[in-house]
C-alpha atoms as a PDB file:
ATOM      1  CA  MET A   1     -31.676 -91.838  -7.208  1.00  0.00           C
ATOM      2  CA  LEU A   2     -31.074 -88.951  -4.814  1.00  0.00           C
ATOM      3  CA  VAL A   3     -28.165 -89.042  -2.376  1.00  0.00           C
ATOM      4  CA  ALA A   4     -30.730 -88.632   0.410  1.00  0.00           C
ATOM      5  CA  GLU A   5     -32.609 -91.698  -0.833  1.00  0.00           C
ATOM      6  CA  GLU A   6     -29.399 -93.694  -0.909  1.00  0.00           C
ATOM      7  CA  LEU A   7     -28.715 -92.613   2.666  1.00  0.00           C
ATOM      8  CA  LEU A   8     -32.133 -93.905   3.710  1.00  0.00           C
ATOM      9  CA  LEU A   9     -31.563 -97.212   1.970  1.00  0.00           C
ATOM     10  CA  LEU A  10     -28.233 -97.565   3.771  1.00  0.00           C
ATOM     11  CA  ALA A  11     -29.900 -96.737   7.079  1.00  0.00           C
ATOM     12  CA  HIS A  12     -32.685 -99.272   6.676  1.00  0.00           C
ATOM     13  CA  ASP A  13     -30.461-101.853   5.035  1.00  0.00           C
ATOM     14  CA  ALA A  14     -28.422-101.631   8.253  1.00  0.00           C
ATOM     15  CA  ASP A  15     -31.494-102.502  10.334  1.00  0.00           C
ATOM     16  CA  ARG A  16     -31.938 -98.999  11.715  1.00  0.00           C
ATOM     17  CA  ALA A  17     -34.410 -99.008  14.554  1.00  0.00           C
ATOM     18  CA  GLY A  18     -37.167 -96.498  15.040  1.00  0.00           C
ATOM     19  CA  PRO A  19     -36.427 -93.023  16.382  1.00  0.00           C
ATOM     20  CA  SER A  20     -34.377 -93.000  19.578  1.00  0.00           C
ATOM     21  CA  LEU A  21     -33.810 -90.193  22.068  1.00  0.00           C
ATOM     22  CA  PHE A  22     -31.581 -88.556  19.484  1.00  0.00           C
ATOM     23  CA  ASP A  23     -32.041 -89.611  15.877  1.00  0.00           C
ATOM     24  CA  ASP A  24     -29.778 -87.549  13.635  1.00  0.00           C
ATOM     25  CA  ALA A  25     -31.005 -89.066  10.363  1.00  0.00           C
ATOM     26  CA  PRO A  26     -33.204 -86.048   9.458  1.00  0.00           C
ATOM     27  CA  TYR A  27     -30.196 -83.727   9.623  1.00  0.00           C
ATOM     28  CA  ARG A  28     -28.138 -86.042   7.441  1.00  0.00           C
ATOM     29  CA  LEU A  29     -30.988 -86.300   4.923  1.00  0.00           C
ATOM     30  CA  ALA A  30     -31.454 -82.538   4.858  1.00  0.00           C
ATOM     31  CA  GLY A  31     -27.732 -82.099   4.242  1.00  0.00           C
ATOM     32  CA  ALA A  32     -27.921 -84.654   1.448  1.00  0.00           C
ATOM     33  CA  LEU A  33     -30.639 -82.664  -0.327  1.00  0.00           C
ATOM     34  CA  LEU A  34     -28.506 -79.521  -0.155  1.00  0.00           C
ATOM     35  CA  VAL A  35     -25.434 -81.395  -1.400  1.00  0.00           C
ATOM     36  CA  GLU A  36     -27.508 -82.665  -4.317  1.00  0.00           C
ATOM     37  CA  LEU A  37     -28.490 -79.098  -5.189  1.00  0.00           C
ATOM     38  CA  VAL A  38     -24.861 -77.964  -4.950  1.00  0.00           C
ATOM     39  CA  LEU A  39     -23.632 -80.751  -7.220  1.00  0.00           C
ATOM     40  CA  ALA A  40     -26.397 -79.871  -9.697  1.00  0.00           C
ATOM     41  CA  HIS A  41     -25.223 -76.209  -9.663  1.00  0.00           C
ATOM     42  CA  ARG A  42     -28.551 -75.032  -8.251  1.00  0.00           C
ATOM     43  CA  VAL A  43     -27.170 -73.553  -5.031  1.00  0.00           C
ATOM     44  CA  THR A  44     -23.776 -72.710  -3.574  1.00  0.00           C
ATOM     45  CA  LEU A  45     -22.363 -71.200  -0.402  1.00  0.00           C
ATOM     46  CA  GLY A  46     -21.549 -67.509  -0.351  1.00  0.00           C
ATOM     47  CA  PRO A  47     -19.433 -65.449   2.033  1.00  0.00           C
ATOM     48  CA  ARG A  48     -20.804 -63.929   5.206  1.00  0.00           C
ATOM     49  CA  PRO A  49     -18.936 -60.996   6.747  1.00  0.00           C
ATOM     50  CA  GLY A  50     -16.955 -61.855   9.835  1.00  0.00           C
ATOM     51  CA  THR A  51     -16.879 -65.641   9.526  1.00  0.00           C
ATOM     52  CA  SER A  52     -15.490 -68.427   7.387  1.00  0.00           C
ATOM     53  CA  ARG A  53     -17.049 -71.338   9.273  1.00  0.00           C
ATOM     54  CA  PRO A  54     -19.062 -73.507   6.837  1.00  0.00           C
ATOM     55  CA  GLN A  55     -22.151 -73.526   9.049  1.00  0.00           C
ATOM     56  CA  ASP A  56     -22.242 -69.718   8.989  1.00  0.00           C
ATOM     57  CA  LEU A  57     -21.910 -69.249   5.222  1.00  0.00           C
ATOM     58  CA  LEU A  58     -24.990 -68.163   3.312  1.00  0.00           C
ATOM     59  CA  VAL A  59     -26.836 -70.447   0.915  1.00  0.00           C
ATOM     60  CA  VAL A  60     -27.081 -68.744  -2.479  1.00  0.00           C
ATOM     61  CA  VAL A  61     -29.563 -69.919  -5.114  1.00  0.00           C
ATOM     62  CA  LEU A  62     -27.995 -70.049  -8.578  1.00  0.00           C
ATOM     63  CA  ASP A  63     -30.902 -71.529 -10.537  1.00  0.00           C
ATOM     64  CA  PRO A  64     -34.434 -71.623  -9.062  1.00  0.00           C
ATOM     65  CA  ALA A  65     -35.980 -73.617 -11.951  1.00  0.00           C
ATOM     66  CA  PRO A  66     -37.803 -76.836 -10.980  1.00  0.00           C
ATOM     67  CA  THR A  67     -35.611 -79.920 -10.804  1.00  0.00           C
ATOM     68  CA  GLY A  68     -38.330 -82.473 -11.475  1.00  0.00           C
ATOM     69  CA  ARG A  69     -37.993 -83.954  -7.998  1.00  0.00           C
ATOM     70  CA  PRO A  70     -40.472 -82.622  -5.389  1.00  0.00           C
ATOM     71  CA  GLU A  71     -38.019 -83.161  -2.520  1.00  0.00           C
ATOM     72  CA  LEU A  72     -35.350 -81.046  -4.200  1.00  0.00           C
ATOM     73  CA  ASP A  73     -37.860 -78.449  -5.364  1.00  0.00           C
ATOM     74  CA  ARG A  74     -39.094 -77.919  -1.791  1.00  0.00           C
ATOM     75  CA  ALA A  75     -35.536 -77.474  -0.574  1.00  0.00           C
ATOM     76  CA  LEU A  76     -34.741 -75.104  -3.436  1.00  0.00           C
ATOM     77  CA  ALA A  77     -37.853 -73.018  -2.816  1.00  0.00           C
ATOM     78  CA  LEU A  78     -37.064 -72.730   0.895  1.00  0.00           C
ATOM     79  CA  ALA A  79     -33.472 -71.752   0.147  1.00  0.00           C
ATOM     80  CA  GLY A  80     -34.710 -68.936  -2.063  1.00  0.00           C
ATOM     81  CA  SER A  81     -37.412 -67.684   0.302  1.00  0.00           C
ATOM     82  CA  GLN A  82     -34.987 -65.726   2.523  1.00  0.00           C
ATOM     83  CA  PRO A  83     -31.281 -65.586   3.354  1.00  0.00           C
ATOM     84  CA  PHE A  84     -30.250 -68.734   5.253  1.00  0.00           C
ATOM     85  CA  ARG A  85     -27.044 -69.753   6.908  1.00  0.00           C
ATOM     86  CA  ALA A  86     -26.166 -73.284   5.832  1.00  0.00           C
ATOM     87  CA  SER A  87     -26.755 -74.655   9.329  1.00  0.00           C
ATOM     88  CA  ASP A  88     -30.110 -72.895   9.670  1.00  0.00           C
ATOM     89  CA  LEU A  89     -31.322 -74.286   6.359  1.00  0.00           C
ATOM     90  CA  VAL A  90     -30.280 -77.815   7.337  1.00  0.00           C
ATOM     91  CA  GLU A  91     -32.276 -77.462  10.555  1.00  0.00           C
ATOM     92  CA  ARG A  92     -35.360 -76.157   8.726  1.00  0.00           C
ATOM     93  CA  LEU A  93     -35.264 -78.865   6.068  1.00  0.00           C
ATOM     94  CA  ALA A  94     -34.786 -81.579   8.694  1.00  0.00           C
ATOM     95  CA  ARG A  95     -38.213 -80.895  10.187  1.00  0.00           C
ATOM     96  CA  GLN A  96     -40.127 -82.551   7.340  1.00  0.00           C
ATOM     97  CA  VAL A  97     -37.518 -84.319   5.242  1.00  0.00           C
ATOM     98  CA  GLU A  98     -37.754 -88.017   6.064  1.00  0.00           C
ATOM     99  CA  ARG A  99     -41.360 -89.026   5.391  1.00  0.00           C
ATOM    100  CA  PRO A 100     -41.580 -87.786   1.754  1.00  0.00           C
ATOM    101  CA  LEU A 101     -38.382 -89.672   0.965  1.00  0.00           C
ATOM    102  CA  ILE A 102     -39.697 -92.848   2.600  1.00  0.00           C
ATOM    103  CA  ASP A 103     -42.980 -92.543   0.694  1.00  0.00           C
ATOM    104  CA  SER A 104     -41.123 -92.157  -2.597  1.00  0.00           C
ATOM    105  CA  LEU A 105     -38.917 -95.179  -1.946  1.00  0.00           C
ATOM    106  CA  GLU A 106     -41.892 -97.283  -0.867  1.00  0.00           C
ATOM    107  CA  ALA A 107     -43.855 -96.308  -3.986  1.00  0.00           C
ATOM    108  CA  ARG A 108     -40.950 -97.503  -6.137  1.00  0.00           C
ATOM    109  CA  GLY A 109     -40.650-100.784  -4.257  1.00  0.00           C
ATOM    110  CA  LEU A 110     -37.316 -99.970  -2.614  1.00  0.00           C
ATOM    111  CA  LEU A 111     -38.553 -99.854   0.986  1.00  0.00           C
ATOM    112  CA  ARG A 112     -41.230-101.975   2.622  1.00  0.00           C
ATOM    113  CA  PRO A 113     -42.969-101.377   5.956  1.00  0.00           C
ATOM    114  CA  GLU A 114     -42.995-103.951   8.727  1.00  0.00           C
ATOM    115  CA  GLN A 115     -45.331-103.727  11.690  1.00  0.00           C
ATOM    116  CA  ARG A 116     -43.917-104.619  15.074  1.00  0.00           C
ATOM    117  CA  THR A 117     -45.280-104.808  18.589  1.00  0.00           C
ATOM    118  CA  THR A 118     -43.261-104.077  21.710  1.00  0.00           C
ATOM    119  CA  TRP A 119     -44.303-105.672  24.995  1.00  0.00           C
ATOM    120  CA  GLY A 120     -47.458-106.842  23.262  1.00  0.00           C
ATOM    121  CA  VAL A 121     -48.909-103.330  23.396  1.00  0.00           C
ATOM    122  CA  LEU A 122     -46.919-100.662  21.575  1.00  0.00           C
ATOM    123  CA  ARG A 123     -47.203-100.871  17.797  1.00  0.00           C
ATOM    124  CA  SER A 124     -44.771 -99.220  15.454  1.00  0.00           C
ATOM    125  CA  THR A 125     -43.698 -99.321  11.823  1.00  0.00           C
ATOM    126  CA  ARG A 126     -40.180-100.225  10.826  1.00  0.00           C
ATOM    127  CA  TRP A 127     -38.868 -99.896   7.290  1.00  0.00           C
ATOM    128  CA  ARG A 128     -36.690-102.408   5.495  1.00  0.00           C
ATOM    129  CA  ALA A 129     -34.680-101.968   2.308  1.00  0.00           C
ATOM    130  CA  VAL A 130     -35.914-104.368  -0.371  1.00  0.00           C
ATOM    131  CA  PRO A 131     -32.881-106.400  -1.547  1.00  0.00           C
ATOM    132  CA  GLY A 132     -33.373-105.749  -5.263  1.00  0.00           C
ATOM    133  CA  PRO A 133     -30.999-104.461  -7.954  1.00  0.00           C
ATOM    134  CA  ALA A 134     -30.922-100.888  -6.634  1.00  0.00           C
ATOM    135  CA  VAL A 135     -29.876-101.946  -3.138  1.00  0.00           C
ATOM    136  CA  VAL A 136     -27.346-104.475  -4.445  1.00  0.00           C
ATOM    137  CA  THR A 137     -25.785-101.817  -6.695  1.00  0.00           C
ATOM    138  CA  LEU A 138     -25.650 -99.343  -3.809  1.00  0.00           C
ATOM    139  CA  ARG A 139     -23.990-101.903  -1.540  1.00  0.00           C
ATOM    140  CA  ARG A 140     -21.409-102.643  -4.200  1.00  0.00           C
ATOM    141  CA  ARG A 141     -20.610 -98.955  -4.710  1.00  0.00           C
ATOM    142  CA  VAL A 142     -20.032 -98.542  -0.993  1.00  0.00           C
ATOM    143  CA  GLU A 143     -17.906-101.684  -0.790  1.00  0.00           C
ATOM    144  CA  ARG A 144     -15.754-100.633  -3.756  1.00  0.00           C
ATOM    145  CA  ALA A 145     -15.097 -97.235  -2.183  1.00  0.00           C
ATOM    146  CA  LEU A 146     -14.446 -98.544   1.336  1.00  0.00           C
ATOM    147  CA  LEU A 147     -12.730-101.874   0.754  1.00  0.00           C
ATOM    148  CA  ASP A 148     -11.408-101.999  -2.809  1.00  0.00           C
ATOM    149  CA  GLY A 149      -9.730 -98.591  -2.814  1.00  0.00           C
ATOM    150  CA  ALA A 150     -11.775 -97.331  -5.763  1.00  0.00           C
ATOM    151  CA  PRO A 151     -11.728 -93.508  -5.983  1.00  0.00           C
ATOM    152  CA  PRO A 152     -15.321 -92.435  -5.252  1.00  0.00           C
ATOM    153  CA  GLU A 153     -17.052 -90.008  -7.564  1.00  0.00           C
ATOM    154  CA  ASP A 154     -18.584 -86.926  -5.946  1.00  0.00           C
ATOM    155  CA  ARG A 155     -22.009 -88.390  -5.123  1.00  0.00           C
ATOM    156  CA  THR A 156     -20.528 -91.520  -3.555  1.00  0.00           C
ATOM    157  CA  ALA A 157     -18.012 -89.455  -1.572  1.00  0.00           C
ATOM    158  CA  ALA A 158     -20.812 -87.233  -0.266  1.00  0.00           C
ATOM    159  CA  LEU A 159     -22.849 -90.316   0.623  1.00  0.00           C
ATOM    160  CA  LEU A 160     -20.001 -91.853   2.608  1.00  0.00           C
ATOM    161  CA  THR A 161     -19.240 -88.587   4.392  1.00  0.00           C
ATOM    162  CA  LEU A 162     -22.869 -87.923   5.356  1.00  0.00           C
ATOM    163  CA  ALA A 163     -23.231 -91.491   6.657  1.00  0.00           C
ATOM    164  CA  ASP A 164     -19.994 -91.329   8.640  1.00  0.00           C
ATOM    165  CA  GLY A 165     -20.616 -91.834  12.347  1.00  0.00           C
ATOM    166  CA  ALA A 166     -24.167 -93.117  11.958  1.00  0.00           C
ATOM    167  CA  GLY A 167     -23.237 -96.790  11.930  1.00  0.00           C
ATOM    168  CA  TRP A 168     -24.979 -97.443   8.616  1.00  0.00           C
ATOM    169  CA  LEU A 169     -21.806 -98.236   6.686  1.00  0.00           C
ATOM    170  CA  LEU A 170     -19.860-100.532   8.976  1.00  0.00           C
ATOM    171  CA  SER A 171     -22.771-102.902   9.554  1.00  0.00           C
ATOM    172  CA  ARG A 172     -22.365-104.071   5.934  1.00  0.00           C
ATOM    173  CA  VAL A 173     -18.605-104.606   6.299  1.00  0.00           C
ATOM    174  CA  PRO A 174     -16.988-107.840   7.564  1.00  0.00           C
ATOM    175  CA  ARG A 175     -15.898-107.431  11.170  1.00  0.00           C
ATOM    176  CA  ASP A 176     -12.249-108.010  10.375  1.00  0.00           C
ATOM    177  CA  ARG A 177     -12.271-105.114   7.891  1.00  0.00           C
ATOM    178  CA  ARG A 178     -14.280-102.536   9.819  1.00  0.00           C
ATOM    179  CA  ARG A 179     -11.267-100.622  11.089  1.00  0.00           C
ATOM    180  CA  GLU A 180      -9.987-100.396   7.510  1.00  0.00           C
ATOM    181  CA  ALA A 181     -13.392 -99.203   6.270  1.00  0.00           C
ATOM    182  CA  GLU A 182     -13.648 -96.615   9.032  1.00  0.00           C
ATOM    183  CA  ALA A 183     -10.207 -95.229   8.199  1.00  0.00           C
ATOM    184  CA  ARG A 184     -11.140 -95.082   4.525  1.00  0.00           C
ATOM    185  CA  THR A 185     -14.349 -93.203   5.327  1.00  0.00           C
ATOM    186  CA  HIS A 186     -12.402 -90.595   7.291  1.00  0.00           C
ATOM    187  CA  GLU A 187      -9.892 -90.309   4.451  1.00  0.00           C
ATOM    188  CA  VAL A 188     -12.651 -89.643   1.931  1.00  0.00           C
ATOM    189  CA  ALA A 189     -14.354 -87.151   4.250  1.00  0.00           C
ATOM    190  CA  GLU A 190     -11.160 -85.155   4.648  1.00  0.00           C
ATOM    191  CA  SER A 191     -10.166 -84.962   0.988  1.00  0.00           C
ATOM    192  CA  TRP A 192     -12.963 -85.462  -1.572  1.00  0.00           C
ATOM    193  CA  TRP A 193     -14.305 -81.912  -1.445  1.00  0.00           C
ATOM    194  CA  ARG A 194     -11.034 -80.266  -2.476  1.00  0.00           C
ATOM    195  CA  GLY A 195     -10.260 -79.208  -6.017  1.00  0.00           C
ATOM    196  CA  THR A 196     -13.248 -77.325  -7.418  1.00  0.00           C
ATOM    197  CA  ALA A 197     -15.605 -74.615  -6.193  1.00  0.00           C
ATOM    198  CA  GLY A 198     -18.541 -77.020  -6.451  1.00  0.00           C
ATOM    199  CA  ARG A 199     -16.820 -79.661  -4.351  1.00  0.00           C
ATOM    200  CA  GLU A 200     -15.771 -77.083  -1.787  1.00  0.00           C
ATOM    201  CA  ALA A 201     -19.369 -75.855  -1.496  1.00  0.00           C
ATOM    202  CA  ALA A 202     -20.627 -79.441  -1.139  1.00  0.00           C
ATOM    203  CA  GLY A 203     -17.992 -80.085   1.512  1.00  0.00           C
ATOM    204  CA  GLY A 204     -19.117 -76.943   3.278  1.00  0.00           C
ATOM    205  CA  VAL A 205     -22.694 -78.210   3.377  1.00  0.00           C
ATOM    206  CA  VAL A 206     -21.518 -81.520   4.845  1.00  0.00           C
ATOM    207  CA  ALA A 207     -19.445 -79.687   7.464  1.00  0.00           C
ATOM    208  CA  ALA A 208     -22.439 -77.513   8.335  1.00  0.00           C
ATOM    209  CA  THR A 209     -24.599 -80.636   8.659  1.00  0.00           C
ATOM    210  CA  MET A 210     -22.151 -82.274  11.050  1.00  0.00           C
ATOM    211  CA  ALA A 211     -21.972 -79.061  13.090  1.00  0.00           C
ATOM    212  CA  VAL A 212     -25.768 -79.096  13.448  1.00  0.00           C
ATOM    213  CA  ILE A 213     -25.712 -82.753  14.531  1.00  0.00           C
ATOM    214  CA  THR A 214     -23.021 -82.069  17.115  1.00  0.00           C
ATOM    215  CA  SER A 215     -24.845 -79.042  18.472  1.00  0.00           C
ATOM    216  CA  ALA A 216     -28.183 -80.866  18.680  1.00  0.00           C
ATOM    217  CA  ALA A 217     -26.617 -83.848  20.442  1.00  0.00           C
ATOM    218  CA  LEU A 218     -25.079 -81.554  23.062  1.00  0.00           C
ATOM    219  CA  VAL A 219     -28.265 -79.570  23.677  1.00  0.00           C
ATOM    220  CA  LEU A 220     -30.715 -82.492  23.799  1.00  0.00           C
ATOM    221  CA  PRO A 221     -29.717 -83.982  27.182  1.00  0.00           C
ATOM    222  CA  VAL A 222     -30.190 -80.579  28.788  1.00  0.00           C
ATOM    223  CA  ALA A 223     -33.595 -80.077  27.150  1.00  0.00           C
ATOM    224  CA  ALA A 224     -34.703 -83.571  28.203  1.00  0.00           C
ATOM    225  CA  THR A 225     -34.052 -83.019  31.916  1.00  0.00           C
END
């Protein structure tokens, strides 16, 4: 399962509502696709003269061969179509990232749609994670990393870091342990990406993703007035 798919399952397992004024899930999902490509040694981040900020580094394609997953192949093709800063590529991917992932999860029986009506008039679709083996295993992985002190492997560490701040993790944690889980998430986010070039590139993608989210959140209230 893709890291982006696991993020979606966490989001909808946590009873995520429909899009609000600012829904940052698409940015997190786009970042997850890029992290997946980094961990698979398909892309990395290369230097850009005059800056060392992760969001300004260039995405470099190492291997353009198909991955076998349409979502990753679209991201890989876009990355190779022109030079992209990491932040710019996250923004581009975010435009059409969520629905294909939802469709894939629904087709495999991992998400189910629920119709709802607001005020007896407005109809909308909400997605729920199906509590089968895949979701149970995902929950357990998250719990082991957050509450049991288990060292997370790279994909789990990336998952926790990309979900940090969205509220999708703590909703599954007992109230009396949420502060502990939050501290553990921050600890993982600050340290997991050190040690290898691949981890550093993946950490750079996550940092670029969070920079995009912060920038979008600051700009949106101005654009909405």
